[in-house]
Amino acid sequence: MDMITKFEQSKLAEDNVNRIAFYLGVIATRANELNHDRYVRLIKEGKTRINNLKDMQSLYVALERILEGDRKSKQYREIIADLFLSTSKKHFDNNDPKTSYGIGLSVGSLNNLDTVYTFAEAQEKWGLGDSTLRKAKYDDRFEKGEVRKSGSNWLVTHAAMKRLYGDPKTS
């Protein structure tokens, strides 16, 4: 059973606000796949910080701009649009924020393993020298959350590499 079916069969799906949050997460994941850089920009702009129904609507509009013309996410975007029509601000205010705000959005905010590289992988993909990323790390060229050490390996995000070095040389 897939994640969407499991959610729809759960008690959480009985509440419109939970359903909006969940489906925002679904389309956020798709936006991240289609245009990682624009999605990361949404996060940096604070659009994924949800405090009320208006924030959810604002995020939805921003995601719609990324997903315009995307057939794969169309049915989920239509579900969200319908849910917004039947959900009032009062309905949102009666929900427990711990369940409402993060249910679906965490799905779209997760790092996809395909967007995280070891330094060696990234250097090869971008055609960089062996110590280029180590030097960049020690020169503080990376922003918070773009690199970290895992055991003896350094990891770097695709967004960081693109920000510093442009498009990869190999796919």
N, C-alpha and C. Protein backbone atom coordinates (compact mmCIF):
# COMPACT_ATOMS: atom_id res chain seq x y z
N MET A 1 0.85 -1.19 0.00
CA MET A 1 0.00 0.00 0.00
C MET A 1 0.89 1.25 0.00
N ASP A 2 0.61 2.18 -0.87
CA ASP A 2 1.44 3.38 -0.95
C ASP A 2 1.06 4.39 0.15
N MET A 3 1.91 5.40 0.28
CA MET A 3 1.76 6.40 1.33
C MET A 3 0.42 7.15 1.24
N ILE A 4 -0.01 7.49 0.04
CA ILE A 4 -1.26 8.24 -0.13
C ILE A 4 -2.45 7.41 0.30
N THR A 5 -2.48 6.15 -0.09
CA THR A 5 -3.57 5.25 0.32
C THR A 5 -3.60 5.09 1.83
N LYS A 6 -2.43 4.91 2.43
CA LYS A 6 -2.36 4.77 3.89
C LYS A 6 -2.91 6.02 4.57
N PHE A 7 -2.50 7.20 4.07
CA PHE A 7 -2.99 8.44 4.66
C PHE A 7 -4.51 8.53 4.53
N GLU A 8 -5.02 8.29 3.34
CA GLU A 8 -6.46 8.42 3.08
C GLU A 8 -7.28 7.45 3.94
N GLN A 9 -6.70 6.34 4.36
CA GLN A 9 -7.40 5.37 5.20
C GLN A 9 -7.21 5.66 6.69
N SER A 10 -6.39 6.64 7.02
CA SER A 10 -6.14 6.95 8.43
C SER A 10 -7.17 7.95 8.98
N LYS A 11 -7.23 8.07 10.29
CA LYS A 11 -8.12 9.04 10.93
C LYS A 11 -7.73 10.48 10.59
N LEU A 12 -6.45 10.71 10.34
CA LEU A 12 -5.99 12.06 10.03
C LEU A 12 -6.67 12.61 8.78
N ALA A 13 -6.99 11.75 7.85
CA ALA A 13 -7.60 12.19 6.58
C ALA A 13 -9.03 12.68 6.76
N GLU A 14 -9.61 12.49 7.94
CA GLU A 14 -10.97 12.94 8.18
C GLU A 14 -11.04 14.46 8.33
N ASP A 15 -9.89 15.09 8.55
CA ASP A 15 -9.84 16.53 8.78
C ASP A 15 -9.25 17.23 7.55
N ASN A 16 -9.96 18.25 7.05
CA ASN A 16 -9.52 18.96 5.85
C ASN A 16 -8.15 19.61 5.99
N VAL A 17 -7.86 20.18 7.14
CA VAL A 17 -6.58 20.85 7.33
C VAL A 17 -5.44 19.83 7.24
N ASN A 18 -5.63 18.67 7.85
CA ASN A 18 -4.62 17.61 7.75
C ASN A 18 -4.45 17.17 6.30
N ARG A 19 -5.55 17.10 5.58
CA ARG A 19 -5.48 16.68 4.17
C ARG A 19 -4.74 17.74 3.34
N ILE A 20 -5.00 19.01 3.61
CA ILE A 20 -4.28 20.07 2.89
C ILE A 20 -2.78 19.94 3.16
N ALA A 21 -2.42 19.81 4.43
CA ALA A 21 -0.99 19.70 4.79
C ALA A 21 -0.36 18.49 4.12
N PHE A 22 -1.05 17.37 4.14
CA PHE A 22 -0.51 16.16 3.53
C PHE A 22 -0.29 16.35 2.03
N TYR A 23 -1.31 16.84 1.33
CA TYR A 23 -1.18 16.99 -0.12
C TYR A 23 -0.22 18.12 -0.50
N LEU A 24 -0.07 19.13 0.34
CA LEU A 24 0.98 20.12 0.10
C LEU A 24 2.34 19.43 0.13
N GLY A 25 2.49 18.48 1.06
CA GLY A 25 3.74 17.72 1.12
C GLY A 25 3.97 16.90 -0.13
N VAL A 26 2.90 16.31 -0.64
CA VAL A 26 3.00 15.51 -1.86
C VAL A 26 3.46 16.38 -3.03
N ILE A 27 2.83 17.54 -3.20
CA ILE A 27 3.22 18.37 -4.34
C ILE A 27 4.55 19.08 -4.09
N ALA A 28 4.89 19.32 -2.82
CA ALA A 28 6.20 19.90 -2.51
C ALA A 28 7.31 18.93 -2.91
N THR A 29 7.08 17.64 -2.69
CA THR A 29 8.05 16.63 -3.10
C THR A 29 8.23 16.66 -4.61
N ARG A 30 7.14 16.77 -5.33
CA ARG A 30 7.20 16.83 -6.79
C ARG A 30 7.90 18.11 -7.25
N ALA A 31 7.61 19.24 -6.61
CA ALA A 31 8.28 20.50 -6.96
C ALA A 31 9.78 20.38 -6.74
N ASN A 32 10.18 19.72 -5.66
CA ASN A 32 11.59 19.51 -5.37
C ASN A 32 12.24 18.67 -6.46
N GLU A 33 11.53 17.66 -6.94
CA GLU A 33 12.06 16.81 -8.02
C GLU A 33 12.22 17.60 -9.32
N LEU A 34 11.24 18.42 -9.64
CA LEU A 34 11.24 19.14 -10.92
C LEU A 34 12.19 20.33 -10.93
N ASN A 35 12.25 21.05 -9.81
CA ASN A 35 13.08 22.24 -9.78
C ASN A 35 13.61 22.43 -8.36
N HIS A 36 14.64 21.70 -8.05
CA HIS A 36 15.21 21.70 -6.70
C HIS A 36 15.60 23.10 -6.25
N ASP A 37 16.22 23.87 -7.13
CA ASP A 37 16.68 25.20 -6.76
C ASP A 37 15.53 26.12 -6.37
N ARG A 38 14.45 26.11 -7.15
CA ARG A 38 13.30 26.95 -6.81
C ARG A 38 12.65 26.49 -5.51
N TYR A 39 12.62 25.17 -5.29
CA TYR A 39 12.04 24.64 -4.06
C TYR A 39 12.87 25.06 -2.86
N VAL A 40 14.19 24.97 -2.97
CA VAL A 40 15.07 25.39 -1.87
C VAL A 40 14.87 26.88 -1.59
N ARG A 41 14.67 27.66 -2.65
CA ARG A 41 14.42 29.09 -2.47
C ARG A 41 13.15 29.32 -1.65
N LEU A 42 12.11 28.51 -1.89
CA LEU A 42 10.87 28.62 -1.10
C LEU A 42 11.15 28.38 0.38
N ILE A 43 11.98 27.38 0.65
CA ILE A 43 12.32 27.08 2.04
C ILE A 43 13.07 28.26 2.66
N LYS A 44 14.06 28.77 1.93
CA LYS A 44 14.86 29.90 2.44
C LYS A 44 14.01 31.15 2.65
N GLU A 45 12.99 31.32 1.81
CA GLU A 45 12.08 32.48 1.94
C GLU A 45 11.10 32.29 3.09
N GLY A 46 11.09 31.12 3.72
CA GLY A 46 10.19 30.86 4.83
C GLY A 46 8.80 30.44 4.42
N LYS A 47 8.59 30.15 3.15
CA LYS A 47 7.25 29.78 2.67
C LYS A 47 6.77 28.45 3.24
N THR A 48 7.68 27.60 3.70
CA THR A 48 7.26 26.30 4.24
C THR A 48 6.99 26.37 5.74
N ARG A 49 7.14 27.54 6.34
CA ARG A 49 6.78 27.72 7.75
C ARG A 49 5.29 28.05 7.80
N ILE A 50 4.52 27.11 8.32
CA ILE A 50 3.06 27.24 8.29
C ILE A 50 2.54 27.60 9.68
N ASN A 51 1.87 28.73 9.79
CA ASN A 51 1.27 29.15 11.05
C ASN A 51 -0.24 29.30 10.97
N ASN A 52 -0.75 29.36 9.74
CA ASN A 52 -2.19 29.55 9.59
C ASN A 52 -2.62 29.16 8.17
N LEU A 53 -3.91 29.26 7.92
CA LEU A 53 -4.44 28.87 6.62
C LEU A 53 -3.88 29.74 5.50
N LYS A 54 -3.68 31.01 5.77
CA LYS A 54 -3.12 31.91 4.76
C LYS A 54 -1.72 31.46 4.35
N ASP A 55 -0.91 30.99 5.30
CA ASP A 55 0.43 30.47 4.98
C ASP A 55 0.33 29.26 4.06
N MET A 56 -0.64 28.39 4.34
CA MET A 56 -0.82 27.21 3.49
C MET A 56 -1.21 27.64 2.07
N GLN A 57 -2.08 28.62 1.97
CA GLN A 57 -2.51 29.11 0.67
C GLN A 57 -1.34 29.75 -0.09
N SER A 58 -0.50 30.48 0.63
CA SER A 58 0.66 31.12 0.02
C SER A 58 1.65 30.07 -0.50
N LEU A 59 1.87 29.03 0.29
CA LEU A 59 2.76 27.95 -0.15
C LEU A 59 2.16 27.26 -1.38
N TYR A 60 0.87 27.02 -1.36
CA TYR A 60 0.20 26.38 -2.48
C TYR A 60 0.42 27.18 -3.77
N VAL A 61 0.25 28.49 -3.70
CA VAL A 61 0.43 29.34 -4.88
C VAL A 61 1.87 29.25 -5.37
N ALA A 62 2.83 29.29 -4.45
CA ALA A 62 4.24 29.20 -4.83
C ALA A 62 4.55 27.85 -5.48
N LEU A 63 3.99 26.78 -4.94
CA LEU A 63 4.21 25.45 -5.52
C LEU A 63 3.54 25.34 -6.88
N GLU A 64 2.37 25.95 -7.03
CA GLU A 64 1.67 25.96 -8.33
C GLU A 64 2.55 26.59 -9.40
N ARG A 65 3.27 27.63 -9.04
CA ARG A 65 4.14 28.29 -10.02
C ARG A 65 5.25 27.35 -10.49
N ILE A 66 5.78 26.56 -9.58
CA ILE A 66 6.82 25.60 -9.95
C ILE A 66 6.24 24.46 -10.78
N LEU A 67 5.03 24.04 -10.44
CA LEU A 67 4.44 22.84 -11.05
C LEU A 67 3.55 23.13 -12.25
N GLU A 68 3.47 24.36 -12.65
CA GLU A 68 2.61 24.73 -13.77
C GLU A 68 2.86 23.81 -14.97
N GLY A 69 1.81 23.18 -15.43
CA GLY A 69 1.90 22.28 -16.58
C GLY A 69 2.34 20.86 -16.24
N ASP A 70 2.64 20.58 -14.98
CA ASP A 70 3.07 19.23 -14.58
C ASP A 70 1.86 18.33 -14.44
N ARG A 71 1.75 17.35 -15.29
CA ARG A 71 0.59 16.44 -15.27
C ARG A 71 0.63 15.48 -14.09
N LYS A 72 1.84 15.08 -13.68
CA LYS A 72 1.96 14.09 -12.61
C LYS A 72 1.36 14.59 -11.29
N SER A 73 1.46 15.87 -11.03
CA SER A 73 0.95 16.41 -9.76
C SER A 73 -0.43 17.05 -9.88
N LYS A 74 -0.97 17.09 -11.08
CA LYS A 74 -2.24 17.81 -11.33
C LYS A 74 -3.37 17.34 -10.42
N GLN A 75 -3.57 16.03 -10.28
CA GLN A 75 -4.70 15.55 -9.48
C GLN A 75 -4.55 15.97 -8.01
N TYR A 76 -3.33 16.02 -7.50
CA TYR A 76 -3.12 16.42 -6.10
C TYR A 76 -3.31 17.92 -5.92
N ARG A 77 -2.90 18.69 -6.92
CA ARG A 77 -3.12 20.14 -6.86
C ARG A 77 -4.61 20.44 -6.90
N GLU A 78 -5.37 19.68 -7.68
CA GLU A 78 -6.83 19.87 -7.74
C GLU A 78 -7.49 19.48 -6.41
N ILE A 79 -6.99 18.44 -5.77
CA ILE A 79 -7.52 18.06 -4.44
C ILE A 79 -7.33 19.21 -3.46
N ILE A 80 -6.13 19.79 -3.46
CA ILE A 80 -5.84 20.90 -2.54
C ILE A 80 -6.76 22.08 -2.83
N ALA A 81 -6.91 22.42 -4.10
CA ALA A 81 -7.78 23.55 -4.46
C ALA A 81 -9.20 23.32 -3.95
N ASP A 82 -9.72 22.12 -4.13
CA ASP A 82 -11.06 21.80 -3.63
C ASP A 82 -11.12 21.89 -2.10
N LEU A 83 -10.08 21.42 -1.44
CA LEU A 83 -10.05 21.47 0.03
C LEU A 83 -10.03 22.91 0.53
N PHE A 84 -9.29 23.78 -0.14
CA PHE A 84 -9.27 25.19 0.26
C PHE A 84 -10.67 25.80 0.16
N LEU A 85 -11.42 25.40 -0.85
CA LEU A 85 -12.77 25.94 -1.01
C LEU A 85 -13.70 25.53 0.13
N SER A 86 -13.44 24.37 0.71
CA SER A 86 -14.34 23.87 1.76
C SER A 86 -13.76 24.01 3.17
N THR A 87 -12.65 24.73 3.31
CA THR A 87 -12.00 24.89 4.62
C THR A 87 -11.95 26.38 4.96
N SER A 88 -12.47 26.71 6.13
CA SER A 88 -12.46 28.11 6.55
C SER A 88 -11.33 28.36 7.56
N LYS A 89 -11.03 29.63 7.76
CA LYS A 89 -10.02 30.01 8.75
C LYS A 89 -10.41 29.47 10.13
N LYS A 90 -11.66 29.56 10.46
CA LYS A 90 -12.14 29.07 11.76
C LYS A 90 -11.85 27.57 11.91
N HIS A 91 -12.09 26.83 10.85
CA HIS A 91 -11.81 25.39 10.86
C HIS A 91 -10.33 25.16 11.17
N PHE A 92 -9.47 25.94 10.55
CA PHE A 92 -8.03 25.80 10.76
C PHE A 92 -7.66 26.12 12.20
N ASP A 93 -8.21 27.19 12.74
CA ASP A 93 -7.86 27.62 14.10
C ASP A 93 -8.28 26.61 15.16
N ASN A 94 -9.22 25.75 14.87
CA ASN A 94 -9.65 24.74 15.84
C ASN A 94 -8.78 23.49 15.84
N ASN A 95 -7.81 23.42 14.95
CA ASN A 95 -6.95 22.25 14.86
C ASN A 95 -5.74 22.37 15.78
N ASP A 96 -5.22 21.23 16.16
CA ASP A 96 -4.00 21.17 16.95
C ASP A 96 -2.82 21.40 16.01
N PRO A 97 -2.06 22.49 16.21
CA PRO A 97 -0.99 22.80 15.28
C PRO A 97 0.07 21.70 15.18
N LYS A 98 0.24 20.91 16.20
CA LYS A 98 1.25 19.86 16.15
C LYS A 98 0.93 18.85 15.06
N THR A 99 -0.34 18.60 14.81
CA THR A 99 -0.68 17.64 13.76
C THR A 99 -0.91 18.34 12.44
N SER A 100 -1.44 19.54 12.46
CA SER A 100 -1.82 20.19 11.21
C SER A 100 -0.64 20.69 10.39
N TYR A 101 0.30 21.32 11.01
CA TYR A 101 1.32 22.04 10.26
C TYR A 101 2.34 21.14 9.58
N GLY A 102 2.73 20.07 10.21
CA GLY A 102 3.86 19.34 9.68
C GLY A 102 3.57 18.04 9.00
N ILE A 103 2.35 17.56 9.05
CA ILE A 103 2.04 16.23 8.53
C ILE A 103 2.56 16.01 7.12
N GLY A 104 2.10 16.78 6.18
CA GLY A 104 2.50 16.56 4.80
C GLY A 104 3.74 17.31 4.41
N LEU A 105 3.97 18.47 5.01
CA LEU A 105 5.10 19.27 4.59
C LEU A 105 6.43 18.59 4.86
N SER A 106 6.48 17.78 5.89
CA SER A 106 7.74 17.09 6.15
C SER A 106 8.07 16.16 5.00
N VAL A 107 7.07 15.65 4.31
CA VAL A 107 7.32 14.78 3.16
C VAL A 107 8.11 15.54 2.10
N GLY A 108 7.68 16.75 1.81
CA GLY A 108 8.36 17.52 0.77
C GLY A 108 9.65 18.13 1.21
N SER A 109 9.92 18.22 2.48
CA SER A 109 11.13 18.84 2.97
C SER A 109 12.27 17.87 3.15
N LEU A 110 11.98 16.60 3.08
CA LEU A 110 13.04 15.62 3.26
C LEU A 110 14.05 15.71 2.14
N ASN A 111 15.35 15.51 2.49
CA ASN A 111 16.36 15.45 1.46
C ASN A 111 16.24 14.15 0.71
N ASN A 112 16.24 14.23 -0.58
CA ASN A 112 16.25 13.06 -1.43
C ASN A 112 17.69 12.59 -1.50
N LEU A 113 17.94 11.30 -1.32
CA LEU A 113 19.31 10.79 -1.33
C LEU A 113 20.02 11.08 -2.64
N ASP A 114 19.25 11.28 -3.71
CA ASP A 114 19.87 11.61 -4.99
C ASP A 114 20.40 13.03 -5.03
N THR A 115 20.12 13.83 -4.01
CA THR A 115 20.59 15.21 -4.00
C THR A 115 21.66 15.43 -2.94
N VAL A 116 22.22 14.34 -2.40
CA VAL A 116 23.30 14.43 -1.44
C VAL A 116 24.46 13.58 -1.95
N TYR A 117 25.66 14.14 -1.94
CA TYR A 117 26.82 13.45 -2.48
C TYR A 117 27.95 13.42 -1.45
N THR A 118 28.81 12.41 -1.58
CA THR A 118 30.08 12.47 -0.85
C THR A 118 30.92 13.51 -1.58
N PHE A 119 31.94 14.03 -0.92
CA PHE A 119 32.80 15.00 -1.58
C PHE A 119 33.39 14.39 -2.85
N ALA A 120 33.81 13.13 -2.79
CA ALA A 120 34.41 12.47 -3.96
C ALA A 120 33.41 12.40 -5.12
N GLU A 121 32.16 12.03 -4.83
CA GLU A 121 31.13 11.96 -5.88
C GLU A 121 30.89 13.33 -6.50
N ALA A 122 30.76 14.34 -5.64
CA ALA A 122 30.47 15.69 -6.13
C ALA A 122 31.64 16.23 -6.96
N GLN A 123 32.85 16.01 -6.49
CA GLN A 123 34.02 16.49 -7.24
C GLN A 123 34.09 15.84 -8.61
N GLU A 124 33.76 14.55 -8.68
CA GLU A 124 33.75 13.87 -9.98
C GLU A 124 32.63 14.42 -10.87
N LYS A 125 31.43 14.56 -10.29
CA LYS A 125 30.27 15.03 -11.06
C LYS A 125 30.47 16.45 -11.59
N TRP A 126 31.14 17.30 -10.82
CA TRP A 126 31.36 18.69 -11.23
C TRP A 126 32.72 18.89 -11.88
N GLY A 127 33.52 17.82 -11.99
CA GLY A 127 34.83 17.92 -12.62
C GLY A 127 35.81 18.77 -11.83
N LEU A 128 35.80 18.64 -10.51
CA LEU A 128 36.67 19.43 -9.64
C LEU A 128 37.86 18.61 -9.16
N GLY A 129 38.89 19.31 -8.72
CA GLY A 129 40.07 18.65 -8.18
C GLY A 129 39.79 17.95 -6.86
N ASP A 130 40.67 17.03 -6.46
CA ASP A 130 40.48 16.18 -5.29
C ASP A 130 40.25 16.93 -3.97
N SER A 131 40.89 18.04 -3.77
CA SER A 131 40.75 18.72 -2.48
C SER A 131 39.89 19.99 -2.54
N THR A 132 39.25 20.23 -3.66
CA THR A 132 38.48 21.46 -3.85
C THR A 132 37.39 21.65 -2.78
N LEU A 133 36.62 20.61 -2.51
CA LEU A 133 35.52 20.76 -1.55
C LEU A 133 36.02 20.82 -0.12
N ARG A 134 37.06 20.08 0.18
CA ARG A 134 37.64 20.16 1.53
C ARG A 134 38.12 21.59 1.79
N LYS A 135 38.78 22.17 0.80
CA LYS A 135 39.26 23.56 0.93
C LYS A 135 38.07 24.52 1.06
N ALA A 136 37.03 24.31 0.25
CA ALA A 136 35.83 25.18 0.34
C ALA A 136 35.21 25.08 1.73
N LYS A 137 35.18 23.89 2.30
CA LYS A 137 34.63 23.70 3.65
C LYS A 137 35.44 24.50 4.67
N TYR A 138 36.74 24.38 4.60
CA TYR A 138 37.58 25.07 5.58
C TYR A 138 37.65 26.57 5.34
N ASP A 139 37.30 27.01 4.15
CA ASP A 139 37.21 28.45 3.85
C ASP A 139 35.81 29.00 4.14
N ASP A 140 34.94 28.16 4.74
CA ASP A 140 33.57 28.55 5.11
C ASP A 140 32.74 29.04 3.92
N ARG A 141 32.88 28.40 2.79
CA ARG A 141 32.10 28.79 1.60
C ARG A 141 30.71 28.16 1.60
N PHE A 142 30.50 27.13 2.41
CA PHE A 142 29.19 26.49 2.47
C PHE A 142 28.33 27.15 3.53
N GLU A 143 27.01 27.18 3.26
CA GLU A 143 26.06 27.72 4.23
C GLU A 143 25.64 26.61 5.18
N LYS A 144 25.04 27.02 6.28
CA LYS A 144 24.57 26.06 7.27
C LYS A 144 23.63 25.04 6.63
N GLY A 145 23.86 23.76 6.91
CA GLY A 145 23.01 22.70 6.40
C GLY A 145 23.39 22.19 5.02
N GLU A 146 24.42 22.76 4.41
CA GLU A 146 24.81 22.31 3.07
C GLU A 146 25.85 21.19 3.10
N VAL A 147 26.62 21.09 4.17
CA VAL A 147 27.62 20.02 4.30
C VAL A 147 27.59 19.47 5.71
N ARG A 148 28.00 18.21 5.83
CA ARG A 148 28.18 17.62 7.15
C ARG A 148 29.06 16.39 7.02
N LYS A 149 29.64 16.00 8.13
CA LYS A 149 30.48 14.82 8.14
C LYS A 149 29.67 13.63 8.64
N SER A 150 29.79 12.50 7.96
CA SER A 150 29.14 11.26 8.36
C SER A 150 30.23 10.20 8.45
N GLY A 151 30.61 9.85 9.67
CA GLY A 151 31.74 8.94 9.85
C GLY A 151 32.99 9.62 9.34
N SER A 152 33.65 9.00 8.39
CA SER A 152 34.87 9.61 7.83
C SER A 152 34.59 10.32 6.51
N ASN A 153 33.32 10.36 6.08
CA ASN A 153 32.96 10.98 4.80
C ASN A 153 32.30 12.33 4.99
N TRP A 154 32.67 13.27 4.15
CA TRP A 154 31.98 14.55 4.09
C TRP A 154 30.86 14.44 3.06
N LEU A 155 29.70 15.00 3.38
CA LEU A 155 28.54 15.01 2.49
C LEU A 155 28.20 16.45 2.12
N VAL A 156 27.70 16.61 0.89
CA VAL A 156 27.34 17.94 0.41
C VAL A 156 26.04 17.83 -0.40
N THR A 157 25.20 18.86 -0.31
CA THR A 157 23.94 18.85 -1.03
C THR A 157 24.14 19.32 -2.48
N HIS A 158 23.23 18.86 -3.33
CA HIS A 158 23.23 19.28 -4.74
C HIS A 158 23.08 20.80 -4.83
N ALA A 159 22.19 21.36 -4.02
CA ALA A 159 21.94 22.80 -4.05
C ALA A 159 23.21 23.59 -3.73
N ALA A 160 24.01 23.11 -2.78
CA ALA A 160 25.26 23.79 -2.43
C ALA A 160 26.23 23.75 -3.61
N MET A 161 26.32 22.58 -4.22
CA MET A 161 27.23 22.44 -5.36
C MET A 161 26.81 23.35 -6.50
N LYS A 162 25.53 23.38 -6.76
CA LYS A 162 25.04 24.22 -7.86
C LYS A 162 25.27 25.70 -7.54
N ARG A 163 25.05 26.08 -6.28
CA ARG A 163 25.26 27.47 -5.88
C ARG A 163 26.72 27.88 -6.07
N LEU A 164 27.64 27.01 -5.69
CA LEU A 164 29.06 27.35 -5.75
C LEU A 164 29.70 27.09 -7.11
N TYR A 165 29.26 26.02 -7.81
CA TYR A 165 29.98 25.60 -9.01
C TYR A 165 29.13 25.50 -10.27
N GLY A 166 27.85 25.89 -10.18
CA GLY A 166 26.99 25.83 -11.36
C GLY A 166 26.48 24.42 -11.62
N ASP A 167 26.08 24.17 -12.85
CA ASP A 167 25.55 22.86 -13.23
C ASP A 167 26.65 21.81 -13.24
N PRO A 168 26.29 20.55 -12.92
CA PRO A 168 27.29 19.48 -12.97
C PRO A 168 27.80 19.27 -14.39
N LYS A 169 29.02 18.78 -14.51
CA LYS A 169 29.62 18.51 -15.82
C LYS A 169 29.15 17.18 -16.38
N THR A 170 28.82 16.23 -15.46
CA THR A 170 28.32 14.92 -15.87
C THR A 170 26.99 14.67 -15.19
N SER A 171 26.18 13.77 -15.76
CA SER A 171 24.88 13.48 -15.13
C SER A 171 24.89 12.20 -14.37
